Amino acid sequence: MATKKKIDGTETEALTGNPFEAAIYASKEQVEKAIATGTEALEKAFSMSKDRFEDIAKIGKEQVDACVTAGNVATKGMETINAEAMAFTKTQIEDQISAAKAMMGAKTLQELIELQNGFAKSAFEAYSAYTTKMSEVATKVAQDAFAPINAQVQASVEKFVKPLAA
């Protein structure tokens, strides 16, 4: 005849007076609880890993977008640098032609030396100004191009690393 008994705080069904059957029933219930708990833990872990994979996929897309944006900014910057270089080269060629014409028209050696010195001085000053300007433009282009990447790296660190550190 089966009766309900409490074993280790768990109500089990056992035959009256048979401790082995009571132990078997208690073990069965404990195994069922362990399986249910394990199943629940696996489902929760799977759900969390699915969310993590979705987060990683989203971060990956955002990183690609940041790289594309950085590439576009760098391309525009290189266009600016190229335009500046072409304008400087054009101006220098025009100045050289003008200086050559003036030197060909010199009447004396002293006049030729003065024209040559004047041209050399103005060419050096123009080149110095050009290199300073190009350095500033290149620095700005680099900063602007890396800004989206830096922002994305910072966002990734905050999303994944900071929660682990806490």
N, C-alpha and C. Protein backbone atom coordinates (compact mmCIF):
# COMPACT_ATOMS: atom_id res chain seq x y z
N MET A 1 0.83 -1.16 0.00
CA MET A 1 0.00 0.00 0.00
C MET A 1 0.89 1.25 0.00
N ALA A 2 0.61 2.20 -0.89
CA ALA A 2 1.44 3.40 -1.02
C ALA A 2 0.93 4.50 -0.13
N THR A 3 1.88 5.21 0.50
CA THR A 3 1.54 6.35 1.34
C THR A 3 2.53 7.47 1.03
N LYS A 4 2.18 8.66 1.46
CA LYS A 4 3.07 9.81 1.25
C LYS A 4 3.91 9.97 2.50
N LYS A 5 5.22 10.17 2.33
CA LYS A 5 6.14 10.39 3.43
C LYS A 5 7.06 11.56 3.08
N LYS A 6 7.56 12.24 4.09
CA LYS A 6 8.54 13.31 3.87
C LYS A 6 9.92 12.73 4.12
N ILE A 7 10.78 12.84 3.11
CA ILE A 7 12.18 12.43 3.25
C ILE A 7 13.02 13.62 2.80
N ASP A 8 13.89 14.10 3.66
CA ASP A 8 14.71 15.29 3.39
C ASP A 8 13.85 16.47 2.97
N GLY A 9 12.72 16.66 3.59
CA GLY A 9 11.85 17.78 3.30
C GLY A 9 11.05 17.61 2.04
N THR A 10 11.18 16.48 1.35
CA THR A 10 10.46 16.24 0.11
C THR A 10 9.41 15.16 0.34
N GLU A 11 8.21 15.47 -0.09
CA GLU A 11 7.15 14.48 0.08
C GLU A 11 7.30 13.44 -1.01
N THR A 12 7.38 12.21 -0.61
CA THR A 12 7.55 11.13 -1.57
C THR A 12 6.47 10.09 -1.36
N GLU A 13 6.24 9.33 -2.40
CA GLU A 13 5.26 8.26 -2.29
C GLU A 13 6.05 6.98 -2.08
N ALA A 14 5.73 6.25 -1.06
CA ALA A 14 6.45 5.02 -0.78
C ALA A 14 5.51 4.00 -0.19
N LEU A 15 5.93 2.77 -0.28
CA LEU A 15 5.16 1.71 0.35
C LEU A 15 5.41 1.77 1.85
N THR A 16 4.38 1.55 2.60
CA THR A 16 4.48 1.61 4.05
C THR A 16 5.48 0.59 4.54
N GLY A 17 6.41 1.09 5.37
CA GLY A 17 7.35 0.21 6.02
C GLY A 17 8.51 -0.23 5.17
N ASN A 18 8.68 0.26 3.93
CA ASN A 18 9.80 -0.16 3.10
C ASN A 18 10.73 1.02 2.85
N PRO A 19 11.82 1.16 3.62
CA PRO A 19 12.71 2.30 3.47
C PRO A 19 13.43 2.33 2.13
N PHE A 20 13.67 1.22 1.50
CA PHE A 20 14.36 1.20 0.20
C PHE A 20 13.51 1.83 -0.89
N GLU A 21 12.22 1.50 -0.87
CA GLU A 21 11.32 2.10 -1.85
C GLU A 21 11.19 3.59 -1.61
N ALA A 22 11.17 4.01 -0.36
CA ALA A 22 11.11 5.43 -0.04
C ALA A 22 12.34 6.15 -0.57
N ALA A 23 13.50 5.53 -0.42
CA ALA A 23 14.74 6.12 -0.92
C ALA A 23 14.74 6.21 -2.44
N ILE A 24 14.22 5.18 -3.09
CA ILE A 24 14.15 5.18 -4.55
C ILE A 24 13.24 6.30 -5.04
N TYR A 25 12.08 6.42 -4.39
CA TYR A 25 11.16 7.50 -4.79
C TYR A 25 11.78 8.88 -4.54
N ALA A 26 12.46 9.03 -3.42
CA ALA A 26 13.10 10.32 -3.11
C ALA A 26 14.20 10.61 -4.13
N SER A 27 14.97 9.62 -4.48
CA SER A 27 16.04 9.79 -5.47
C SER A 27 15.46 10.17 -6.82
N LYS A 28 14.37 9.53 -7.18
CA LYS A 28 13.71 9.83 -8.45
C LYS A 28 13.30 11.31 -8.50
N GLU A 29 12.69 11.78 -7.43
CA GLU A 29 12.26 13.18 -7.39
C GLU A 29 13.46 14.13 -7.43
N GLN A 30 14.54 13.77 -6.74
CA GLN A 30 15.73 14.61 -6.74
C GLN A 30 16.34 14.66 -8.15
N VAL A 31 16.38 13.55 -8.83
CA VAL A 31 16.90 13.50 -10.20
C VAL A 31 16.03 14.35 -11.11
N GLU A 32 14.71 14.24 -10.96
CA GLU A 32 13.81 15.06 -11.78
C GLU A 32 14.02 16.55 -11.53
N LYS A 33 14.21 16.91 -10.25
CA LYS A 33 14.48 18.32 -9.93
C LYS A 33 15.81 18.77 -10.53
N ALA A 34 16.83 17.92 -10.44
CA ALA A 34 18.14 18.25 -10.99
C ALA A 34 18.06 18.43 -12.50
N ILE A 35 17.32 17.55 -13.17
CA ILE A 35 17.14 17.66 -14.62
C ILE A 35 16.41 18.96 -14.96
N ALA A 36 15.35 19.27 -14.21
CA ALA A 36 14.60 20.50 -14.46
C ALA A 36 15.48 21.73 -14.24
N THR A 37 16.27 21.71 -13.16
CA THR A 37 17.16 22.84 -12.88
C THR A 37 18.23 22.96 -13.96
N GLY A 38 18.80 21.85 -14.38
CA GLY A 38 19.81 21.87 -15.44
C GLY A 38 19.25 22.36 -16.75
N THR A 39 18.05 21.91 -17.07
CA THR A 39 17.39 22.35 -18.31
C THR A 39 17.14 23.86 -18.27
N GLU A 40 16.67 24.33 -17.13
CA GLU A 40 16.42 25.77 -16.97
C GLU A 40 17.72 26.56 -17.11
N ALA A 41 18.79 26.06 -16.51
CA ALA A 41 20.09 26.75 -16.59
C ALA A 41 20.60 26.78 -18.03
N LEU A 42 20.45 25.67 -18.74
CA LEU A 42 20.88 25.63 -20.15
C LEU A 42 20.06 26.58 -21.00
N GLU A 43 18.76 26.62 -20.79
CA GLU A 43 17.91 27.54 -21.54
C GLU A 43 18.31 28.99 -21.28
N LYS A 44 18.60 29.29 -20.02
CA LYS A 44 19.01 30.65 -19.66
C LYS A 44 20.36 30.98 -20.30
N ALA A 45 21.30 30.04 -20.25
CA ALA A 45 22.62 30.25 -20.85
C ALA A 45 22.50 30.44 -22.36
N PHE A 46 21.66 29.62 -22.98
CA PHE A 46 21.46 29.74 -24.43
C PHE A 46 20.88 31.11 -24.77
N SER A 47 19.91 31.54 -23.99
CA SER A 47 19.29 32.84 -24.20
C SER A 47 20.31 33.95 -24.06
N MET A 48 21.15 33.85 -23.02
CA MET A 48 22.17 34.88 -22.79
C MET A 48 23.20 34.87 -23.92
N SER A 49 23.62 33.68 -24.36
CA SER A 49 24.61 33.61 -25.42
C SER A 49 24.01 34.12 -26.74
N LYS A 50 22.73 33.85 -26.95
CA LYS A 50 22.07 34.36 -28.15
C LYS A 50 22.08 35.89 -28.13
N ASP A 51 21.77 36.47 -26.95
CA ASP A 51 21.80 37.92 -26.82
C ASP A 51 23.21 38.44 -27.06
N ARG A 52 24.23 37.75 -26.52
CA ARG A 52 25.62 38.16 -26.71
C ARG A 52 26.01 38.10 -28.18
N PHE A 53 25.58 37.02 -28.88
CA PHE A 53 25.90 36.92 -30.30
C PHE A 53 25.24 38.05 -31.06
N GLU A 54 24.02 38.38 -30.71
CA GLU A 54 23.34 39.51 -31.37
C GLU A 54 24.09 40.81 -31.09
N ASP A 55 24.54 40.98 -29.83
CA ASP A 55 25.32 42.17 -29.48
C ASP A 55 26.61 42.22 -30.29
N ILE A 56 27.29 41.09 -30.39
CA ILE A 56 28.55 41.03 -31.12
C ILE A 56 28.32 41.32 -32.60
N ALA A 57 27.26 40.78 -33.16
CA ALA A 57 26.93 41.05 -34.57
C ALA A 57 26.65 42.53 -34.77
N LYS A 58 25.92 43.12 -33.84
CA LYS A 58 25.60 44.55 -33.93
C LYS A 58 26.88 45.38 -33.83
N ILE A 59 27.75 45.03 -32.89
CA ILE A 59 29.02 45.75 -32.73
C ILE A 59 29.86 45.58 -33.99
N GLY A 60 29.87 44.39 -34.56
CA GLY A 60 30.62 44.15 -35.79
C GLY A 60 30.14 45.05 -36.92
N LYS A 61 28.83 45.16 -37.05
CA LYS A 61 28.27 46.03 -38.09
C LYS A 61 28.64 47.48 -37.82
N GLU A 62 28.56 47.88 -36.56
CA GLU A 62 28.91 49.26 -36.20
C GLU A 62 30.39 49.53 -36.46
N GLN A 63 31.24 48.52 -36.26
CA GLN A 63 32.67 48.69 -36.53
C GLN A 63 32.91 48.85 -38.03
N VAL A 64 32.22 48.05 -38.81
CA VAL A 64 32.35 48.18 -40.27
C VAL A 64 31.87 49.57 -40.71
N ASP A 65 30.74 50.01 -40.16
CA ASP A 65 30.22 51.34 -40.49
C ASP A 65 31.23 52.43 -40.11
N ALA A 66 31.85 52.28 -38.94
CA ALA A 66 32.85 53.26 -38.49
C ALA A 66 34.05 53.27 -39.43
N CYS A 67 34.47 52.10 -39.89
CA CYS A 67 35.61 52.03 -40.82
C CYS A 67 35.25 52.65 -42.17
N VAL A 68 34.03 52.41 -42.63
CA VAL A 68 33.59 53.02 -43.90
C VAL A 68 33.55 54.54 -43.76
N THR A 69 33.00 55.02 -42.65
CA THR A 69 32.96 56.46 -42.41
C THR A 69 34.37 57.03 -42.35
N ALA A 70 35.25 56.35 -41.64
CA ALA A 70 36.65 56.80 -41.54
C ALA A 70 37.30 56.83 -42.92
N GLY A 71 37.03 55.81 -43.72
CA GLY A 71 37.58 55.78 -45.08
C GLY A 71 37.07 56.93 -45.93
N ASN A 72 35.77 57.23 -45.79
CA ASN A 72 35.21 58.36 -46.55
C ASN A 72 35.83 59.69 -46.12
N VAL A 73 36.01 59.86 -44.81
CA VAL A 73 36.63 61.09 -44.30
C VAL A 73 38.07 61.18 -44.80
N ALA A 74 38.79 60.07 -44.74
CA ALA A 74 40.18 60.05 -45.21
C ALA A 74 40.26 60.36 -46.70
N THR A 75 39.32 59.81 -47.47
CA THR A 75 39.31 60.08 -48.91
C THR A 75 39.08 61.56 -49.19
N LYS A 76 38.11 62.15 -48.48
CA LYS A 76 37.85 63.59 -48.65
C LYS A 76 39.09 64.39 -48.25
N GLY A 77 39.73 63.97 -47.16
CA GLY A 77 40.94 64.66 -46.71
C GLY A 77 42.06 64.57 -47.73
N MET A 78 42.21 63.38 -48.32
CA MET A 78 43.25 63.22 -49.34
C MET A 78 42.94 64.06 -50.58
N GLU A 79 41.65 64.20 -50.89
CA GLU A 79 41.27 65.09 -52.00
C GLU A 79 41.68 66.52 -51.69
N THR A 80 41.47 66.94 -50.46
CA THR A 80 41.86 68.30 -50.04
C THR A 80 43.37 68.46 -50.13
N ILE A 81 44.10 67.48 -49.62
CA ILE A 81 45.57 67.54 -49.67
C ILE A 81 46.05 67.58 -51.12
N ASN A 82 45.45 66.76 -51.96
CA ASN A 82 45.83 66.74 -53.38
C ASN A 82 45.55 68.08 -54.05
N ALA A 83 44.38 68.67 -53.76
CA ALA A 83 44.04 69.97 -54.34
C ALA A 83 45.03 71.04 -53.89
N GLU A 84 45.40 71.00 -52.60
CA GLU A 84 46.39 71.97 -52.09
C GLU A 84 47.74 71.78 -52.78
N ALA A 85 48.15 70.54 -52.95
CA ALA A 85 49.44 70.25 -53.59
C ALA A 85 49.43 70.73 -55.04
N MET A 86 48.33 70.48 -55.74
CA MET A 86 48.23 70.92 -57.15
C MET A 86 48.25 72.45 -57.25
N ALA A 87 47.53 73.11 -56.35
CA ALA A 87 47.51 74.57 -56.36
C ALA A 87 48.91 75.13 -56.06
N PHE A 88 49.60 74.55 -55.10
CA PHE A 88 50.95 75.01 -54.75
C PHE A 88 51.91 74.79 -55.93
N THR A 89 51.82 73.60 -56.53
CA THR A 89 52.69 73.30 -57.68
C THR A 89 52.44 74.27 -58.82
N LYS A 90 51.18 74.53 -59.10
CA LYS A 90 50.83 75.47 -60.19
C LYS A 90 51.42 76.85 -59.90
N THR A 91 51.24 77.31 -58.67
CA THR A 91 51.76 78.63 -58.29
C THR A 91 53.29 78.66 -58.40
N GLN A 92 53.94 77.61 -57.96
CA GLN A 92 55.41 77.56 -58.02
C GLN A 92 55.90 77.56 -59.47
N ILE A 93 55.23 76.83 -60.34
CA ILE A 93 55.63 76.81 -61.75
C ILE A 93 55.45 78.20 -62.36
N GLU A 94 54.33 78.84 -62.06
CA GLU A 94 54.10 80.19 -62.57
C GLU A 94 55.17 81.16 -62.05
N ASP A 95 55.51 81.05 -60.77
CA ASP A 95 56.54 81.92 -60.18
C ASP A 95 57.90 81.65 -60.82
N GLN A 96 58.21 80.38 -61.09
CA GLN A 96 59.49 80.05 -61.71
C GLN A 96 59.57 80.61 -63.13
N ILE A 97 58.50 80.50 -63.88
CA ILE A 97 58.47 81.05 -65.25
C ILE A 97 58.64 82.56 -65.21
N SER A 98 57.92 83.18 -64.28
CA SER A 98 58.03 84.64 -64.16
C SER A 98 59.45 85.05 -63.77
N ALA A 99 60.04 84.31 -62.81
CA ALA A 99 61.41 84.63 -62.38
C ALA A 99 62.40 84.40 -63.51
N ALA A 100 62.21 83.33 -64.29
CA ALA A 100 63.12 83.04 -65.40
C ALA A 100 63.05 84.15 -66.46
N LYS A 101 61.84 84.63 -66.75
CA LYS A 101 61.69 85.72 -67.71
C LYS A 101 62.38 86.98 -67.21
N ALA A 102 62.19 87.25 -65.91
CA ALA A 102 62.82 88.45 -65.34
C ALA A 102 64.35 88.32 -65.38
N MET A 103 64.87 87.14 -65.07
CA MET A 103 66.32 86.95 -65.08
C MET A 103 66.90 87.04 -66.48
N MET A 104 66.12 86.61 -67.48
CA MET A 104 66.59 86.70 -68.87
C MET A 104 66.67 88.16 -69.33
N GLY A 105 65.85 88.98 -68.70
CA GLY A 105 65.85 90.39 -69.08
C GLY A 105 66.83 91.22 -68.27
N ALA A 106 67.61 90.59 -67.40
CA ALA A 106 68.55 91.35 -66.56
C ALA A 106 69.63 91.97 -67.43
N LYS A 107 69.99 93.20 -67.10
CA LYS A 107 70.99 93.94 -67.89
C LYS A 107 72.40 93.74 -67.34
N THR A 108 72.48 93.45 -66.03
CA THR A 108 73.80 93.30 -65.42
C THR A 108 73.83 92.04 -64.59
N LEU A 109 75.04 91.62 -64.26
CA LEU A 109 75.22 90.46 -63.42
C LEU A 109 74.66 90.73 -62.02
N GLN A 110 74.86 91.93 -61.52
CA GLN A 110 74.33 92.30 -60.21
C GLN A 110 72.80 92.20 -60.19
N GLU A 111 72.15 92.67 -61.24
CA GLU A 111 70.70 92.60 -61.33
C GLU A 111 70.24 91.13 -61.37
N LEU A 112 70.93 90.26 -62.09
CA LEU A 112 70.61 88.84 -62.19
C LEU A 112 70.73 88.17 -60.81
N ILE A 113 71.82 88.50 -60.07
CA ILE A 113 72.02 87.93 -58.73
C ILE A 113 70.91 88.37 -57.79
N GLU A 114 70.52 89.63 -57.86
CA GLU A 114 69.45 90.14 -57.00
C GLU A 114 68.11 89.47 -57.32
N LEU A 115 67.82 89.28 -58.62
CA LEU A 115 66.59 88.60 -59.02
C LEU A 115 66.59 87.13 -58.54
N GLN A 116 67.77 86.48 -58.71
CA GLN A 116 67.88 85.08 -58.27
C GLN A 116 67.71 84.97 -56.76
N ASN A 117 68.34 85.85 -55.99
CA ASN A 117 68.21 85.83 -54.53
C ASN A 117 66.77 86.10 -54.09
N GLY A 118 66.13 87.05 -54.75
CA GLY A 118 64.73 87.37 -54.43
C GLY A 118 63.82 86.18 -54.70
N PHE A 119 64.06 85.51 -55.85
CA PHE A 119 63.25 84.34 -56.18
C PHE A 119 63.50 83.21 -55.18
N ALA A 120 64.75 82.96 -54.85
CA ALA A 120 65.07 81.88 -53.90
C ALA A 120 64.42 82.15 -52.54
N LYS A 121 64.49 83.40 -52.09
CA LYS A 121 63.90 83.75 -50.80
C LYS A 121 62.38 83.55 -50.83
N SER A 122 61.72 84.03 -51.85
CA SER A 122 60.26 83.90 -51.92
C SER A 122 59.85 82.43 -52.10
N ALA A 123 60.63 81.66 -52.86
CA ALA A 123 60.32 80.23 -53.04
C ALA A 123 60.46 79.49 -51.71
N PHE A 124 61.51 79.81 -50.94
CA PHE A 124 61.70 79.15 -49.64
C PHE A 124 60.58 79.51 -48.68
N GLU A 125 60.19 80.78 -48.64
CA GLU A 125 59.09 81.20 -47.76
C GLU A 125 57.77 80.52 -48.16
N ALA A 126 57.52 80.43 -49.46
CA ALA A 126 56.30 79.77 -49.94
C ALA A 126 56.31 78.28 -49.57
N TYR A 127 57.48 77.65 -49.75
CA TYR A 127 57.58 76.23 -49.41
C TYR A 127 57.40 76.01 -47.92
N SER A 128 57.97 76.86 -47.09
CA SER A 128 57.82 76.74 -45.64
C SER A 128 56.36 76.90 -45.22
N ALA A 129 55.69 77.89 -45.79
CA ALA A 129 54.27 78.09 -45.49
C ALA A 129 53.44 76.90 -45.96
N TYR A 130 53.78 76.37 -47.13
CA TYR A 130 53.05 75.22 -47.67
C TYR A 130 53.22 73.99 -46.78
N THR A 131 54.43 73.70 -46.35
CA THR A 131 54.64 72.51 -45.51
C THR A 131 53.93 72.65 -44.17
N THR A 132 53.93 73.85 -43.60
CA THR A 132 53.21 74.07 -42.34
C THR A 132 51.72 73.84 -42.54
N LYS A 133 51.18 74.41 -43.60
CA LYS A 133 49.75 74.25 -43.89
C LYS A 133 49.41 72.78 -44.14
N MET A 134 50.22 72.07 -44.91
CA MET A 134 49.95 70.67 -45.22
C MET A 134 50.06 69.80 -43.97
N SER A 135 50.97 70.14 -43.09
CA SER A 135 51.08 69.40 -41.83
C SER A 135 49.80 69.55 -41.01
N GLU A 136 49.28 70.77 -40.95
CA GLU A 136 48.04 71.02 -40.21
C GLU A 136 46.86 70.29 -40.85
N VAL A 137 46.78 70.32 -42.18
CA VAL A 137 45.69 69.64 -42.89
C VAL A 137 45.78 68.13 -42.67
N ALA A 138 46.98 67.57 -42.78
CA ALA A 138 47.16 66.13 -42.60
C ALA A 138 46.80 65.71 -41.17
N THR A 139 47.18 66.51 -40.20
CA THR A 139 46.85 66.20 -38.80
C THR A 139 45.34 66.21 -38.61
N LYS A 140 44.67 67.19 -39.15
CA LYS A 140 43.21 67.28 -39.03
C LYS A 140 42.54 66.11 -39.74
N VAL A 141 43.01 65.77 -40.91
CA VAL A 141 42.44 64.63 -41.65
C VAL A 141 42.59 63.35 -40.83
N ALA A 142 43.77 63.14 -40.25
CA ALA A 142 44.00 61.93 -39.45
C ALA A 142 43.07 61.91 -38.23
N GLN A 143 42.95 63.03 -37.56
CA GLN A 143 42.06 63.09 -36.38
C GLN A 143 40.62 62.83 -36.78
N ASP A 144 40.17 63.48 -37.84
CA ASP A 144 38.79 63.32 -38.29
C ASP A 144 38.52 61.89 -38.78
N ALA A 145 39.51 61.29 -39.45
CA ALA A 145 39.32 59.94 -39.99
C ALA A 145 39.27 58.91 -38.86
N PHE A 146 40.06 59.10 -37.80
CA PHE A 146 40.07 58.13 -36.71
C PHE A 146 38.97 58.38 -35.68
N ALA A 147 38.30 59.50 -35.75
CA ALA A 147 37.25 59.81 -34.77
C ALA A 147 36.14 58.75 -34.74
N PRO A 148 35.58 58.32 -35.89
CA PRO A 148 34.53 57.30 -35.83
C PRO A 148 35.04 55.96 -35.29
N ILE A 149 36.26 55.62 -35.62
CA ILE A 149 36.84 54.35 -35.13
C ILE A 149 37.05 54.44 -33.62
N ASN A 150 37.62 55.56 -33.16
CA ASN A 150 37.83 55.74 -31.72
C ASN A 150 36.51 55.67 -30.95
N ALA A 151 35.49 56.32 -31.49
CA ALA A 151 34.17 56.31 -30.84
C ALA A 151 33.61 54.88 -30.77
N GLN A 152 33.78 54.12 -31.84
CA GLN A 152 33.27 52.75 -31.86
C GLN A 152 34.05 51.85 -30.90
N VAL A 153 35.36 52.02 -30.83
CA VAL A 153 36.16 51.23 -29.89
C VAL A 153 35.73 51.55 -28.46
N GLN A 154 35.53 52.83 -28.18
CA GLN A 154 35.10 53.24 -26.83
C GLN A 154 33.75 52.62 -26.49
N ALA A 155 32.83 52.64 -27.44
CA ALA A 155 31.50 52.06 -27.21
C ALA A 155 31.61 50.55 -26.97
N SER A 156 32.46 49.88 -27.71
CA SER A 156 32.65 48.43 -27.53
C SER A 156 33.24 48.12 -26.17
N VAL A 157 34.21 48.91 -25.76
CA VAL A 157 34.83 48.70 -24.45
C VAL A 157 33.80 48.88 -23.34
N GLU A 158 33.00 49.92 -23.45
CA GLU A 158 31.99 50.17 -22.43
C GLU A 158 30.94 49.05 -22.40
N LYS A 159 30.60 48.51 -23.56
CA LYS A 159 29.57 47.48 -23.61
C LYS A 159 30.06 46.13 -23.10
N PHE A 160 31.30 45.75 -23.44
CA PHE A 160 31.77 44.42 -23.13
C PHE A 160 32.77 44.32 -21.99
N VAL A 161 33.65 45.28 -21.87
CA VAL A 161 34.73 45.16 -20.88
C VAL A 161 34.31 45.69 -19.52
N LYS A 162 33.66 46.84 -19.47
CA LYS A 162 33.29 47.42 -18.18
C LYS A 162 32.37 46.51 -17.36
N PRO A 163 31.37 45.85 -17.97
CA PRO A 163 30.54 44.94 -17.16
C PRO A 163 31.36 43.77 -16.58
N LEU A 164 32.39 43.33 -17.29
CA LEU A 164 33.22 42.25 -16.78
C LEU A 164 34.08 42.70 -15.62
N ALA A 165 34.51 43.97 -15.65
CA ALA A 165 35.37 44.51 -14.60
C ALA A 165 34.58 44.75 -13.31
N ALA A 166 33.29 44.96 -13.46
CA ALA A 166 32.47 45.27 -12.27
C ALA A 166 32.17 44.08 -11.42
